[in-house]
Amino acid sequence: MQIKKGRHYCFTWRRLQPFATKREGSLMIPLENWYDKSFVKHSGWNKLTGVGQIFGVHQNSGRLVWQPNFNKPGYFKIAGYVYSNGIRTDSIFANIKAGEWVNYRVAHNGRWEFMINGVTIRMTGIKPCLPIKLFPYFGGKDKAYYTMEFNFI
């Protein structure tokens, strides 16, 4: 999957698959996606995957998010990121090396559960109504500075 330069979204026909209650498998973020902090205007979380609400992902959703670890080149910080009734919270819980495959999980079982290679955190938040799969998305304000690849199994 890729996000093209100057865009936010990763286009895939799988976006249209409704009723996803969890996301799990393996993922890898290539080294080419690491960028220096001086490169960005508005540093923030980029989205990897998750489960959201078909009408309003900023209402009730849970996502794994990433950003370069600016203190450790070649590594990415990973956090759980929850919107519950429109209020966002996040919690950093992993640091992964670029180019290495990791196991992941995002699910809602009374609370949001986020896992990377067996390290799990749980966060409170509302389960989405009419849940959908969420795919890679770059930035909040900023768009992708160059085409970025993401690998999922």
N, C-alpha and C. Protein backbone atom coordinates (compact mmCIF):
# COMPACT_ATOMS: atom_id res chain seq x y z
N MET A 1 0.85 -1.18 0.00
CA MET A 1 0.00 0.00 0.00
C MET A 1 0.89 1.23 0.00
N GLN A 2 0.39 2.30 -0.59
CA GLN A 2 1.19 3.51 -0.60
C GLN A 2 0.32 4.76 -0.52
N ILE A 3 0.94 5.77 0.04
CA ILE A 3 0.35 7.11 0.04
C ILE A 3 1.21 7.91 -0.92
N LYS A 4 0.60 8.42 -1.95
CA LYS A 4 1.36 9.17 -2.95
C LYS A 4 1.73 10.56 -2.44
N LYS A 5 2.85 11.07 -2.96
CA LYS A 5 3.32 12.41 -2.60
C LYS A 5 2.18 13.42 -2.78
N GLY A 6 2.03 14.30 -1.78
CA GLY A 6 1.02 15.34 -1.84
C GLY A 6 -0.39 14.90 -1.46
N ARG A 7 -0.53 13.68 -0.94
CA ARG A 7 -1.84 13.17 -0.55
C ARG A 7 -1.84 12.76 0.92
N HIS A 8 -3.06 12.58 1.44
CA HIS A 8 -3.22 12.07 2.80
C HIS A 8 -3.49 10.57 2.78
N TYR A 9 -4.39 10.15 1.90
CA TYR A 9 -4.93 8.79 1.93
C TYR A 9 -4.14 7.77 1.14
N CYS A 10 -4.20 6.54 1.61
CA CYS A 10 -3.75 5.38 0.87
C CYS A 10 -5.00 4.85 0.18
N PHE A 11 -5.02 4.86 -1.14
CA PHE A 11 -6.21 4.35 -1.83
C PHE A 11 -6.13 2.84 -1.97
N THR A 12 -7.20 2.16 -1.60
CA THR A 12 -7.35 0.73 -1.81
C THR A 12 -8.84 0.43 -1.85
N TRP A 13 -9.21 -0.51 -2.70
CA TRP A 13 -10.63 -0.90 -2.78
C TRP A 13 -11.09 -1.53 -1.47
N ARG A 14 -10.14 -2.04 -0.68
CA ARG A 14 -10.49 -2.65 0.61
C ARG A 14 -11.06 -1.63 1.60
N ARG A 15 -10.89 -0.33 1.29
CA ARG A 15 -11.47 0.72 2.15
C ARG A 15 -12.97 0.56 2.28
N LEU A 16 -13.56 -0.01 1.25
CA LEU A 16 -15.01 -0.09 1.19
C LEU A 16 -15.58 -1.27 1.96
N GLN A 17 -14.72 -2.09 2.56
CA GLN A 17 -15.18 -3.26 3.29
C GLN A 17 -15.72 -2.84 4.66
N PRO A 18 -17.02 -2.98 4.87
CA PRO A 18 -17.61 -2.55 6.14
C PRO A 18 -17.53 -3.63 7.22
N PHE A 19 -17.94 -3.25 8.40
CA PHE A 19 -18.15 -4.14 9.54
C PHE A 19 -16.90 -4.83 10.05
N ALA A 20 -15.79 -4.12 10.04
CA ALA A 20 -14.54 -4.64 10.59
C ALA A 20 -14.56 -4.40 12.09
N THR A 21 -14.39 -5.44 12.86
CA THR A 21 -14.37 -5.26 14.31
C THR A 21 -12.96 -5.27 14.88
N LYS A 22 -11.99 -5.72 14.06
CA LYS A 22 -10.60 -5.71 14.50
C LYS A 22 -9.70 -5.69 13.27
N ARG A 23 -8.41 -5.36 13.51
CA ARG A 23 -7.37 -5.40 12.48
C ARG A 23 -6.19 -6.11 13.14
N GLU A 24 -5.66 -7.12 12.46
CA GLU A 24 -4.49 -7.81 13.00
C GLU A 24 -3.70 -8.48 11.89
N GLY A 25 -2.44 -8.71 12.16
CA GLY A 25 -1.55 -9.33 11.19
C GLY A 25 -0.13 -8.90 11.45
N SER A 26 0.61 -8.69 10.36
CA SER A 26 2.00 -8.22 10.44
C SER A 26 2.14 -6.99 9.57
N LEU A 27 3.02 -6.09 9.98
CA LEU A 27 3.27 -4.89 9.20
C LEU A 27 4.73 -4.52 9.27
N MET A 28 5.15 -3.74 8.26
CA MET A 28 6.52 -3.26 8.20
C MET A 28 6.51 -1.85 7.63
N ILE A 29 7.22 -0.94 8.30
CA ILE A 29 7.37 0.42 7.80
C ILE A 29 8.80 0.53 7.26
N PRO A 30 8.94 0.75 5.95
CA PRO A 30 10.28 0.84 5.36
C PRO A 30 11.08 2.05 5.87
N LEU A 31 12.40 1.92 5.84
CA LEU A 31 13.29 3.00 6.26
C LEU A 31 13.02 4.29 5.47
N GLU A 32 12.60 4.16 4.23
CA GLU A 32 12.35 5.33 3.38
C GLU A 32 11.25 6.23 3.93
N ASN A 33 10.44 5.72 4.85
CA ASN A 33 9.37 6.54 5.45
C ASN A 33 9.86 7.38 6.62
N TRP A 34 11.09 7.13 7.08
CA TRP A 34 11.65 7.93 8.18
C TRP A 34 12.04 9.29 7.63
N TYR A 35 11.69 10.34 8.36
CA TYR A 35 12.08 11.69 7.95
C TYR A 35 12.53 12.48 9.17
N ASP A 36 13.36 13.48 8.94
CA ASP A 36 13.89 14.33 10.00
C ASP A 36 12.83 15.35 10.42
N LYS A 37 12.82 15.71 11.69
CA LYS A 37 11.83 16.66 12.22
C LYS A 37 11.88 18.00 11.49
N SER A 38 13.05 18.42 11.04
CA SER A 38 13.17 19.70 10.34
C SER A 38 12.45 19.68 8.99
N PHE A 39 12.10 18.49 8.53
CA PHE A 39 11.44 18.31 7.24
C PHE A 39 9.95 18.64 7.29
N VAL A 40 9.35 18.60 8.49
CA VAL A 40 7.90 18.75 8.62
C VAL A 40 7.52 20.11 9.19
N LYS A 41 6.39 20.62 8.72
CA LYS A 41 5.86 21.88 9.25
C LYS A 41 5.07 21.63 10.52
N HIS A 42 4.23 20.60 10.51
CA HIS A 42 3.34 20.27 11.63
C HIS A 42 3.57 18.82 12.03
N SER A 43 4.45 18.59 12.97
CA SER A 43 4.72 17.22 13.41
C SER A 43 3.50 16.67 14.13
N GLY A 44 3.21 15.42 13.87
CA GLY A 44 2.07 14.78 14.52
C GLY A 44 2.01 13.32 14.16
N TRP A 45 0.91 12.70 14.52
CA TRP A 45 0.74 11.28 14.29
C TRP A 45 0.24 11.00 12.88
N ASN A 46 0.85 10.01 12.26
CA ASN A 46 0.41 9.46 10.98
C ASN A 46 -0.28 8.14 11.30
N LYS A 47 -1.29 7.80 10.54
CA LYS A 47 -2.09 6.63 10.86
C LYS A 47 -1.61 5.40 10.09
N LEU A 48 -1.60 4.25 10.75
CA LEU A 48 -1.26 2.98 10.11
C LEU A 48 -2.51 2.20 9.76
N THR A 49 -3.28 1.84 10.77
CA THR A 49 -4.47 1.03 10.57
C THR A 49 -5.35 1.13 11.81
N GLY A 50 -6.55 0.67 11.70
CA GLY A 50 -7.45 0.69 12.85
C GLY A 50 -8.88 0.37 12.45
N VAL A 51 -9.77 0.70 13.37
CA VAL A 51 -11.21 0.49 13.17
C VAL A 51 -11.90 1.79 13.50
N GLY A 52 -12.76 2.22 12.60
CA GLY A 52 -13.46 3.49 12.81
C GLY A 52 -14.94 3.37 12.52
N GLN A 53 -15.59 4.46 12.65
CA GLN A 53 -17.03 4.56 12.43
C GLN A 53 -17.26 5.06 11.00
N ILE A 54 -18.15 4.42 10.27
CA ILE A 54 -18.34 4.77 8.86
C ILE A 54 -18.67 6.25 8.67
N PHE A 55 -19.43 6.82 9.56
CA PHE A 55 -19.74 8.25 9.48
C PHE A 55 -19.08 8.95 10.66
N GLY A 56 -17.82 9.33 10.49
CA GLY A 56 -17.15 10.09 11.54
C GLY A 56 -16.06 9.34 12.27
N VAL A 57 -14.89 9.15 11.61
CA VAL A 57 -13.77 8.48 12.29
C VAL A 57 -13.23 9.32 13.43
N HIS A 58 -13.55 10.61 13.44
CA HIS A 58 -13.12 11.46 14.56
C HIS A 58 -14.14 11.47 15.69
N GLN A 59 -15.11 10.60 15.59
CA GLN A 59 -16.11 10.47 16.64
C GLN A 59 -15.76 9.29 17.54
N ASN A 60 -15.74 8.08 16.97
CA ASN A 60 -15.42 6.87 17.73
C ASN A 60 -14.54 5.97 16.87
N SER A 61 -13.26 5.85 17.25
CA SER A 61 -12.35 5.00 16.49
C SER A 61 -11.11 4.68 17.32
N GLY A 62 -10.41 3.64 16.89
CA GLY A 62 -9.14 3.27 17.49
C GLY A 62 -8.14 2.97 16.40
N ARG A 63 -6.92 3.52 16.52
CA ARG A 63 -5.91 3.34 15.47
C ARG A 63 -4.53 3.14 16.04
N LEU A 64 -3.71 2.40 15.30
CA LEU A 64 -2.27 2.40 15.54
C LEU A 64 -1.73 3.56 14.73
N VAL A 65 -0.89 4.37 15.35
CA VAL A 65 -0.33 5.54 14.67
C VAL A 65 1.19 5.53 14.82
N TRP A 66 1.86 6.27 13.95
CA TRP A 66 3.32 6.29 13.94
C TRP A 66 3.86 7.68 13.65
N GLN A 67 5.10 7.85 14.04
CA GLN A 67 5.90 8.99 13.62
C GLN A 67 7.36 8.60 13.82
N PRO A 68 8.26 9.21 13.06
CA PRO A 68 9.67 8.89 13.27
C PRO A 68 10.08 9.18 14.72
N ASN A 69 10.94 8.34 15.24
CA ASN A 69 11.54 8.64 16.54
C ASN A 69 12.69 9.59 16.21
N PHE A 70 12.44 10.87 16.38
CA PHE A 70 13.41 11.89 15.98
C PHE A 70 14.71 11.82 16.77
N ASN A 71 14.71 11.10 17.90
CA ASN A 71 15.92 10.94 18.70
C ASN A 71 16.69 9.67 18.34
N LYS A 72 16.10 8.84 17.47
CA LYS A 72 16.72 7.57 17.12
C LYS A 72 16.47 7.28 15.64
N PRO A 73 17.32 7.80 14.76
CA PRO A 73 17.12 7.60 13.31
C PRO A 73 16.93 6.12 12.95
N GLY A 74 15.98 5.88 12.05
CA GLY A 74 15.70 4.51 11.62
C GLY A 74 14.68 3.80 12.47
N TYR A 75 14.11 4.48 13.46
CA TYR A 75 13.09 3.89 14.33
C TYR A 75 11.82 4.74 14.29
N PHE A 76 10.70 4.08 14.55
CA PHE A 76 9.40 4.74 14.57
C PHE A 76 8.72 4.53 15.92
N LYS A 77 8.17 5.60 16.47
CA LYS A 77 7.34 5.50 17.67
C LYS A 77 5.96 5.03 17.22
N ILE A 78 5.38 4.15 18.03
CA ILE A 78 4.03 3.63 17.76
C ILE A 78 3.16 3.94 18.97
N ALA A 79 1.95 4.40 18.70
CA ALA A 79 1.01 4.71 19.78
C ALA A 79 -0.36 4.16 19.46
N GLY A 80 -1.16 3.96 20.51
CA GLY A 80 -2.58 3.73 20.37
C GLY A 80 -3.25 5.09 20.37
N TYR A 81 -4.27 5.26 19.56
CA TYR A 81 -4.87 6.59 19.32
C TYR A 81 -6.38 6.38 19.27
N VAL A 82 -7.10 6.96 20.20
CA VAL A 82 -8.54 6.71 20.33
C VAL A 82 -9.32 8.02 20.25
N TYR A 83 -10.38 7.99 19.47
CA TYR A 83 -11.40 9.04 19.50
C TYR A 83 -12.61 8.43 20.18
N SER A 84 -13.11 9.08 21.21
CA SER A 84 -14.30 8.64 21.92
C SER A 84 -15.20 9.85 22.12
N ASN A 85 -16.36 9.83 21.49
CA ASN A 85 -17.26 10.98 21.50
C ASN A 85 -16.53 12.25 21.06
N GLY A 86 -15.65 12.11 20.08
CA GLY A 86 -14.96 13.26 19.52
C GLY A 86 -13.73 13.74 20.28
N ILE A 87 -13.40 13.08 21.39
CA ILE A 87 -12.24 13.48 22.19
C ILE A 87 -11.10 12.49 21.94
N ARG A 88 -9.93 13.02 21.56
CA ARG A 88 -8.80 12.18 21.20
C ARG A 88 -7.83 12.01 22.36
N THR A 89 -7.36 10.76 22.54
CA THR A 89 -6.28 10.46 23.47
C THR A 89 -5.29 9.55 22.74
N ASP A 90 -4.03 9.60 23.16
CA ASP A 90 -3.05 8.70 22.57
C ASP A 90 -2.06 8.27 23.64
N SER A 91 -1.42 7.14 23.38
CA SER A 91 -0.45 6.60 24.32
C SER A 91 0.65 5.86 23.56
N ILE A 92 1.88 6.36 23.67
CA ILE A 92 3.02 5.72 23.01
C ILE A 92 3.36 4.45 23.77
N PHE A 93 3.55 3.34 23.04
CA PHE A 93 3.85 2.09 23.74
C PHE A 93 4.89 1.22 23.03
N ALA A 94 5.35 1.62 21.85
CA ALA A 94 6.34 0.79 21.15
C ALA A 94 7.27 1.67 20.33
N ASN A 95 8.43 1.11 20.04
CA ASN A 95 9.44 1.75 19.21
C ASN A 95 9.93 0.65 18.28
N ILE A 96 9.63 0.77 16.98
CA ILE A 96 9.98 -0.31 16.06
C ILE A 96 11.06 0.14 15.08
N LYS A 97 11.86 -0.82 14.66
CA LYS A 97 12.94 -0.53 13.72
C LYS A 97 12.41 -0.57 12.29
N ALA A 98 12.81 0.41 11.51
CA ALA A 98 12.42 0.47 10.11
C ALA A 98 12.86 -0.81 9.39
N GLY A 99 12.00 -1.30 8.52
CA GLY A 99 12.33 -2.47 7.71
C GLY A 99 12.12 -3.80 8.39
N GLU A 100 11.71 -3.81 9.66
CA GLU A 100 11.48 -5.08 10.36
C GLU A 100 9.98 -5.35 10.49
N TRP A 101 9.60 -6.60 10.27
CA TRP A 101 8.20 -6.99 10.39
C TRP A 101 7.83 -7.12 11.87
N VAL A 102 6.64 -6.61 12.22
CA VAL A 102 6.11 -6.74 13.58
C VAL A 102 4.67 -7.24 13.49
N ASN A 103 4.25 -7.95 14.53
CA ASN A 103 2.85 -8.37 14.63
C ASN A 103 2.07 -7.24 15.29
N TYR A 104 0.82 -7.05 14.84
CA TYR A 104 0.00 -5.98 15.39
C TYR A 104 -1.44 -6.45 15.58
N ARG A 105 -2.16 -5.70 16.40
CA ARG A 105 -3.58 -5.95 16.62
C ARG A 105 -4.23 -4.67 17.11
N VAL A 106 -5.43 -4.39 16.57
CA VAL A 106 -6.29 -3.32 17.04
C VAL A 106 -7.67 -3.93 17.17
N ALA A 107 -8.25 -3.86 18.35
CA ALA A 107 -9.58 -4.45 18.56
C ALA A 107 -10.29 -3.72 19.69
N HIS A 108 -11.61 -3.83 19.69
CA HIS A 108 -12.41 -3.27 20.79
C HIS A 108 -13.16 -4.41 21.45
N ASN A 109 -12.80 -4.68 22.69
CA ASN A 109 -13.44 -5.73 23.50
C ASN A 109 -13.82 -5.13 24.84
N GLY A 110 -14.74 -4.17 24.82
CA GLY A 110 -15.09 -3.44 26.04
C GLY A 110 -14.19 -2.22 26.21
N ARG A 111 -12.94 -2.34 25.78
CA ARG A 111 -11.97 -1.24 25.72
C ARG A 111 -11.15 -1.45 24.46
N TRP A 112 -10.48 -0.40 24.01
CA TRP A 112 -9.59 -0.54 22.86
C TRP A 112 -8.33 -1.28 23.30
N GLU A 113 -7.89 -2.19 22.44
CA GLU A 113 -6.67 -2.96 22.69
C GLU A 113 -5.73 -2.76 21.51
N PHE A 114 -4.49 -2.37 21.81
CA PHE A 114 -3.47 -2.16 20.79
C PHE A 114 -2.28 -3.04 21.14
N MET A 115 -1.74 -3.76 20.14
CA MET A 115 -0.63 -4.67 20.39
C MET A 115 0.41 -4.56 19.28
N ILE A 116 1.67 -4.53 19.67
CA ILE A 116 2.82 -4.65 18.76
C ILE A 116 3.75 -5.69 19.37
N ASN A 117 3.99 -6.79 18.63
CA ASN A 117 4.90 -7.86 19.08
C ASN A 117 4.66 -8.29 20.52
N GLY A 118 3.42 -8.45 20.90
CA GLY A 118 3.08 -8.94 22.24
C GLY A 118 2.96 -7.87 23.31
N VAL A 119 3.45 -6.67 23.05
CA VAL A 119 3.30 -5.55 24.00
C VAL A 119 1.90 -4.96 23.76
N THR A 120 1.07 -4.99 24.79
CA THR A 120 -0.33 -4.58 24.64
C THR A 120 -0.67 -3.47 25.61
N ILE A 121 -1.43 -2.50 25.10
CA ILE A 121 -2.02 -1.48 25.97
C ILE A 121 -3.52 -1.49 25.74
N ARG A 122 -4.25 -1.03 26.75
CA ARG A 122 -5.70 -0.93 26.65
C ARG A 122 -6.09 0.51 26.98
N MET A 123 -7.05 1.02 26.22
CA MET A 123 -7.51 2.39 26.42
C MET A 123 -9.03 2.40 26.40
N THR A 124 -9.61 3.28 27.21
CA THR A 124 -11.06 3.39 27.19
C THR A 124 -11.51 4.15 25.95
N GLY A 125 -12.69 3.80 25.49
CA GLY A 125 -13.26 4.46 24.32
C GLY A 125 -14.48 3.70 23.84
N ILE A 126 -15.31 4.39 23.12
CA ILE A 126 -16.57 3.83 22.64
C ILE A 126 -16.36 3.00 21.38
N LYS A 127 -17.02 1.86 21.32
CA LYS A 127 -16.99 1.00 20.14
C LYS A 127 -17.71 1.71 18.99
N PRO A 128 -17.12 1.72 17.79
CA PRO A 128 -17.76 2.39 16.67
C PRO A 128 -19.08 1.74 16.26
N CYS A 129 -20.02 2.58 15.88
CA CYS A 129 -21.28 2.12 15.30
C CYS A 129 -21.03 1.97 13.80
N LEU A 130 -21.41 0.87 13.20
CA LEU A 130 -21.11 0.57 11.79
C LEU A 130 -19.60 0.70 11.53
N PRO A 131 -18.80 -0.20 12.13
CA PRO A 131 -17.35 -0.10 12.03
C PRO A 131 -16.81 -0.41 10.63
N ILE A 132 -15.71 0.26 10.30
CA ILE A 132 -15.01 0.04 9.03
C ILE A 132 -13.50 -0.08 9.30
N LYS A 133 -12.80 -0.70 8.34
CA LYS A 133 -11.34 -0.78 8.42
C LYS A 133 -10.76 0.58 8.07
N LEU A 134 -9.70 0.96 8.79
CA LEU A 134 -8.98 2.20 8.48
C LEU A 134 -7.59 1.84 7.98
N PHE A 135 -7.15 2.55 6.95
CA PHE A 135 -5.89 2.28 6.29
C PHE A 135 -4.93 3.45 6.47
N PRO A 136 -3.68 3.31 6.00
CA PRO A 136 -2.70 4.38 6.20
C PRO A 136 -3.18 5.76 5.73
N TYR A 137 -2.83 6.75 6.54
CA TYR A 137 -3.19 8.15 6.28
C TYR A 137 -2.02 8.99 6.79
N PHE A 138 -1.53 9.91 5.97
CA PHE A 138 -0.40 10.72 6.40
C PHE A 138 -0.89 12.04 6.98
N GLY A 139 -0.36 12.34 8.15
CA GLY A 139 -0.54 13.65 8.76
C GLY A 139 -1.90 13.94 9.33
N GLY A 140 -2.02 15.19 9.63
CA GLY A 140 -3.24 15.85 10.04
C GLY A 140 -3.34 17.02 9.07
N LYS A 141 -2.47 18.00 9.30
CA LYS A 141 -2.41 19.15 8.39
C LYS A 141 -1.52 18.86 7.19
N ASP A 142 -0.36 18.29 7.42
CA ASP A 142 0.59 18.04 6.34
C ASP A 142 0.16 16.85 5.49
N LYS A 143 0.54 16.90 4.22
CA LYS A 143 0.35 15.78 3.30
C LYS A 143 1.70 15.10 3.12
N ALA A 144 1.69 13.90 2.56
CA ALA A 144 2.93 13.14 2.38
C ALA A 144 3.94 13.96 1.58
N TYR A 145 5.16 14.01 2.08
CA TYR A 145 6.23 14.79 1.45
C TYR A 145 6.80 14.07 0.25
N TYR A 146 6.62 12.76 0.22
CA TYR A 146 7.04 11.92 -0.91
C TYR A 146 6.19 10.67 -0.83
N THR A 147 6.20 9.86 -1.86
CA THR A 147 5.41 8.63 -1.86
C THR A 147 5.94 7.70 -0.78
N MET A 148 5.03 7.20 0.06
CA MET A 148 5.39 6.33 1.17
C MET A 148 4.74 4.96 1.01
N GLU A 149 5.53 3.93 1.24
CA GLU A 149 5.06 2.55 1.13
C GLU A 149 4.80 1.99 2.54
N PHE A 150 3.80 1.10 2.60
CA PHE A 150 3.50 0.38 3.83
C PHE A 150 3.24 -1.07 3.46
N ASN A 151 3.75 -1.98 4.26
CA ASN A 151 3.58 -3.41 3.96
C ASN A 151 2.77 -4.07 5.07
N PHE A 152 1.73 -4.77 4.67
CA PHE A 152 0.85 -5.49 5.60
C PHE A 152 0.65 -6.92 5.12
N ILE A 153 0.60 -7.84 6.08
CA ILE A 153 0.22 -9.23 5.79
C ILE A 153 -0.94 -9.55 6.68
